[in-house]
Amino acid sequence: MKTKAHLKLPHPKVLLFIGLSVCLVGFLTANRPAHQDMDVEACADCHEDMAKAFLAAPHGVTNTCTGCHGDAEQHLEEGGGPNIFAFSEEDFATAKTNKCLSCHIESNSSYMASEHGKASLDCMTCHTVHGHTTEKSLLKMNGVKTCNICHGDVTSQFELNERHRLQEGIMECTTCHNPHESSTRER
């Protein structure tokens, strides 16, 4: 008489790991807000120029608008309107900066303690996200011109004979100063 072969089950720890993994994936996908992973294509229906510029910029690799602008379900249902985080002048600087720091916290962990953070300057004061720029770090203009917007009194001193070589492009303000860190020296 022939006997049935015994079915060998995986180790109980392996089964536990698989079960927890399935539950975790189910939990994460079930709790995701509607349109959370909306891609740029959906937003381009109304914001074509902005979407094209975004995709051409380094942040375009994310291919999502909702990562920064938040859940767009109501925005889509109502055909637009102020029901999305728009990085507008009315939005608090800390709210705008916190959106940026949600991804860039490792490289700018001290920003809120910096002189610029304490002055409530948000990231969009100096940087662009959607616009096409050839400047490093997505600056709106080259580093010295960016600094000159607020620090014109200091940059005018660099027109004197005895000065650092900013005009020649040998140095930039950021050669010595990190705008994202707290100041550790006297001015």
Protein backbone atom coordinates (compact mmCIF):
# COMPACT_ATOMS: atom_id res chain seq x y z
CA MET A 1 0.00 0.00 0.00
CA LYS A 2 1.28 3.46 -0.96
CA THR A 3 1.29 6.33 1.56
CA LYS A 4 0.82 10.00 0.83
CA ALA A 5 3.92 12.13 1.08
CA HIS A 6 3.90 14.48 4.02
CA LEU A 7 3.63 18.14 3.13
CA LYS A 8 6.50 20.07 4.67
CA LEU A 9 5.49 23.59 5.82
CA PRO A 10 7.94 26.48 6.11
CA HIS A 11 9.38 27.38 9.50
CA PRO A 12 6.80 29.15 11.75
CA LYS A 13 8.92 32.32 11.85
CA VAL A 14 8.85 32.50 8.05
CA LEU A 15 5.07 32.12 8.06
CA LEU A 16 4.79 34.84 10.71
CA PHE A 17 6.99 37.18 8.67
CA ILE A 18 4.94 36.59 5.51
CA GLY A 19 1.67 37.12 7.39
CA LEU A 20 2.86 40.36 8.98
CA SER A 21 4.16 41.61 5.64
CA VAL A 22 0.81 41.00 3.94
CA CYS A 23 -1.03 42.76 6.79
CA LEU A 24 1.34 45.73 6.70
CA VAL A 25 0.99 46.18 2.94
CA GLY A 26 -2.78 45.94 3.26
CA PHE A 27 -2.81 48.47 6.08
CA LEU A 28 -0.62 50.97 4.22
CA THR A 29 -2.58 50.80 1.00
CA ALA A 30 -5.97 50.86 2.73
CA ASN A 31 -5.11 54.03 4.66
CA ARG A 32 -3.71 55.95 1.69
CA PRO A 33 -5.85 58.99 0.90
CA ALA A 34 -7.54 59.10 -2.48
CA HIS A 35 -5.35 60.53 -5.23
CA GLN A 36 -2.30 60.33 -2.95
CA ASP A 37 -0.13 59.00 -5.74
CA MET A 38 -1.66 61.15 -8.45
CA ASP A 39 0.86 61.63 -11.20
CA VAL A 40 1.70 64.83 -12.99
CA GLU A 41 -0.37 63.80 -16.01
CA ALA A 42 -3.62 64.23 -14.07
CA CYS A 43 -2.63 67.74 -12.97
CA ALA A 44 -1.39 68.64 -16.46
CA ASP A 45 -4.99 68.62 -17.73
CA CYS A 46 -5.37 72.08 -16.13
CA HIS A 47 -1.77 73.05 -15.33
CA GLU A 48 0.03 72.05 -18.53
CA ASP A 49 2.86 74.63 -18.46
CA MET A 50 3.53 74.06 -14.78
CA ALA A 51 3.59 70.28 -15.26
CA LYS A 52 6.02 70.50 -18.20
CA ALA A 53 8.37 72.73 -16.22
CA PHE A 54 8.12 70.42 -13.21
CA LEU A 55 8.96 67.32 -15.25
CA ALA A 56 12.00 69.09 -16.72
CA ALA A 57 13.29 69.97 -13.24
CA PRO A 58 15.06 67.49 -10.91
CA HIS A 59 11.96 67.03 -8.74
CA GLY A 60 10.12 65.72 -11.81
CA VAL A 61 11.53 62.25 -11.19
CA THR A 62 8.95 61.92 -8.41
CA ASN A 63 6.18 62.20 -11.06
CA THR A 64 3.72 63.29 -8.39
CA CYS A 65 2.21 66.63 -7.43
CA THR A 66 0.43 65.40 -4.32
CA GLY A 67 3.71 64.74 -2.50
CA CYS A 68 4.08 68.51 -2.02
CA HIS A 69 0.61 69.89 -2.68
CA GLY A 70 -1.34 67.33 -0.66
CA ASP A 71 -4.48 65.35 -1.38
CA ALA A 72 -6.11 66.68 -4.55
CA GLU A 73 -9.42 64.83 -4.39
CA GLN A 74 -11.49 67.89 -3.43
CA HIS A 75 -9.47 70.06 -5.82
CA LEU A 76 -10.39 67.76 -8.70
CA GLU A 77 -14.02 67.34 -7.68
CA GLU A 78 -14.56 71.11 -7.49
CA GLY A 79 -12.60 71.85 -10.65
CA GLY A 80 -9.81 73.71 -8.86
CA GLY A 81 -9.88 76.29 -6.15
CA PRO A 82 -7.98 77.03 -2.96
CA ASN A 83 -8.45 73.55 -1.53
CA ILE A 84 -4.87 72.41 -2.11
CA PHE A 85 -1.57 73.52 -0.59
CA ALA A 86 -0.35 75.98 -3.22
CA PHE A 87 2.78 77.53 -1.65
CA SER A 88 1.10 80.92 -1.97
CA GLU A 89 2.07 84.17 -0.32
CA GLU A 90 -0.75 83.61 2.19
CA ASP A 91 0.71 80.28 3.35
CA PHE A 92 2.95 80.43 6.38
CA ALA A 93 6.67 80.23 5.62
CA THR A 94 7.12 77.42 8.13
CA ALA A 95 4.38 75.38 6.43
CA LYS A 96 6.08 75.79 3.05
CA THR A 97 9.52 75.01 4.47
CA ASN A 98 8.22 71.96 6.33
CA LYS A 99 6.87 70.58 3.02
CA CYS A 100 10.37 70.86 1.54
CA LEU A 101 12.07 69.50 4.65
CA SER A 102 9.85 66.42 4.57
CA CYS A 103 12.24 65.16 1.87
CA HIS A 104 15.30 67.37 2.39
CA ILE A 105 15.68 67.13 6.16
CA GLU A 106 18.94 65.15 6.08
CA SER A 107 20.78 67.76 4.04
CA ASN A 108 19.16 70.74 5.80
CA SER A 109 18.44 69.53 9.32
CA SER A 110 19.42 72.85 10.93
CA TYR A 111 17.55 75.14 8.57
CA MET A 112 14.92 76.28 11.08
CA ALA A 113 17.75 77.33 13.45
CA SER A 114 19.57 79.22 10.69
CA GLU A 115 19.36 82.98 10.28
CA HIS A 116 17.14 82.46 7.23
CA GLY A 117 14.86 80.05 9.08
CA LYS A 118 14.60 82.38 12.07
CA ALA A 119 13.69 85.20 9.67
CA SER A 120 10.80 83.06 8.37
CA LEU A 121 12.16 82.80 4.85
CA ASP A 122 10.72 79.79 3.10
CA CYS A 123 12.66 77.73 0.58
CA MET A 124 10.91 79.41 -2.37
CA THR A 125 12.54 82.71 -1.43
CA CYS A 126 15.75 81.47 -3.08
CA HIS A 127 14.86 78.22 -4.85
CA THR A 128 12.48 77.20 -7.61
CA VAL A 129 10.76 73.84 -7.87
CA HIS A 130 8.78 74.00 -11.11
CA GLY A 131 10.71 76.56 -13.09
CA HIS A 132 13.51 75.63 -15.38
CA THR A 133 16.85 76.75 -14.05
CA THR A 134 20.42 76.00 -14.91
CA GLU A 135 21.64 77.20 -11.53
CA LYS A 136 22.91 74.64 -9.05
CA SER A 137 20.64 73.72 -6.17
CA LEU A 138 17.66 75.02 -8.16
CA LEU A 139 18.46 78.61 -7.21
CA LYS A 140 16.30 81.19 -8.98
CA MET A 141 19.48 82.97 -10.08
CA ASN A 142 23.20 82.52 -9.44
CA GLY A 143 24.27 82.44 -5.80
CA VAL A 144 25.65 85.98 -5.54
CA LYS A 145 22.57 87.51 -7.20
CA THR A 146 20.32 85.48 -4.93
CA CYS A 147 22.14 86.72 -1.83
CA ASN A 148 22.16 90.28 -3.20
CA ILE A 149 18.34 90.42 -3.10
CA CYS A 150 18.43 90.72 0.69
CA HIS A 151 22.08 91.43 1.37
CA GLY A 152 22.75 94.23 -1.14
CA ASP A 153 24.55 96.29 1.50
CA VAL A 154 27.08 93.49 1.98
CA THR A 155 27.51 92.57 -1.67
CA SER A 156 28.16 96.21 -2.60
CA GLN A 157 31.31 96.02 -0.49
CA PHE A 158 32.64 93.49 -2.98
CA GLU A 159 33.04 96.24 -5.57
CA LEU A 160 35.94 97.68 -3.57
CA ASN A 161 39.56 96.95 -4.49
CA GLU A 162 40.24 94.91 -1.35
CA ARG A 163 37.61 92.18 -1.49
CA HIS A 164 36.80 88.55 -2.10
CA ARG A 165 36.58 87.64 -5.77
CA LEU A 166 32.82 87.29 -6.17
CA GLN A 167 32.56 89.36 -9.34
CA GLU A 168 35.01 87.11 -11.14
CA GLY A 169 33.08 84.02 -10.15
CA ILE A 170 36.05 82.61 -8.23
CA MET A 171 34.01 82.56 -5.02
CA GLU A 172 30.36 82.68 -4.06
CA CYS A 173 28.73 83.68 -0.80
CA THR A 174 28.17 79.99 -0.12
CA THR A 175 31.93 79.35 -0.36
CA CYS A 176 32.09 80.51 3.26
CA HIS A 177 28.47 80.78 4.39
CA ASN A 178 25.95 77.96 4.56
CA PRO A 179 22.49 79.55 4.31
CA HIS A 180 20.87 76.43 5.77
CA GLU A 181 22.94 76.23 8.97
CA SER A 182 22.94 78.39 12.08
CA SER A 183 25.57 81.10 12.19
CA THR A 184 28.62 80.12 14.23
CA ARG A 185 30.73 83.21 13.69
CA GLU A 186 30.44 86.91 14.14
CA ARG A 187 29.39 88.88 11.15
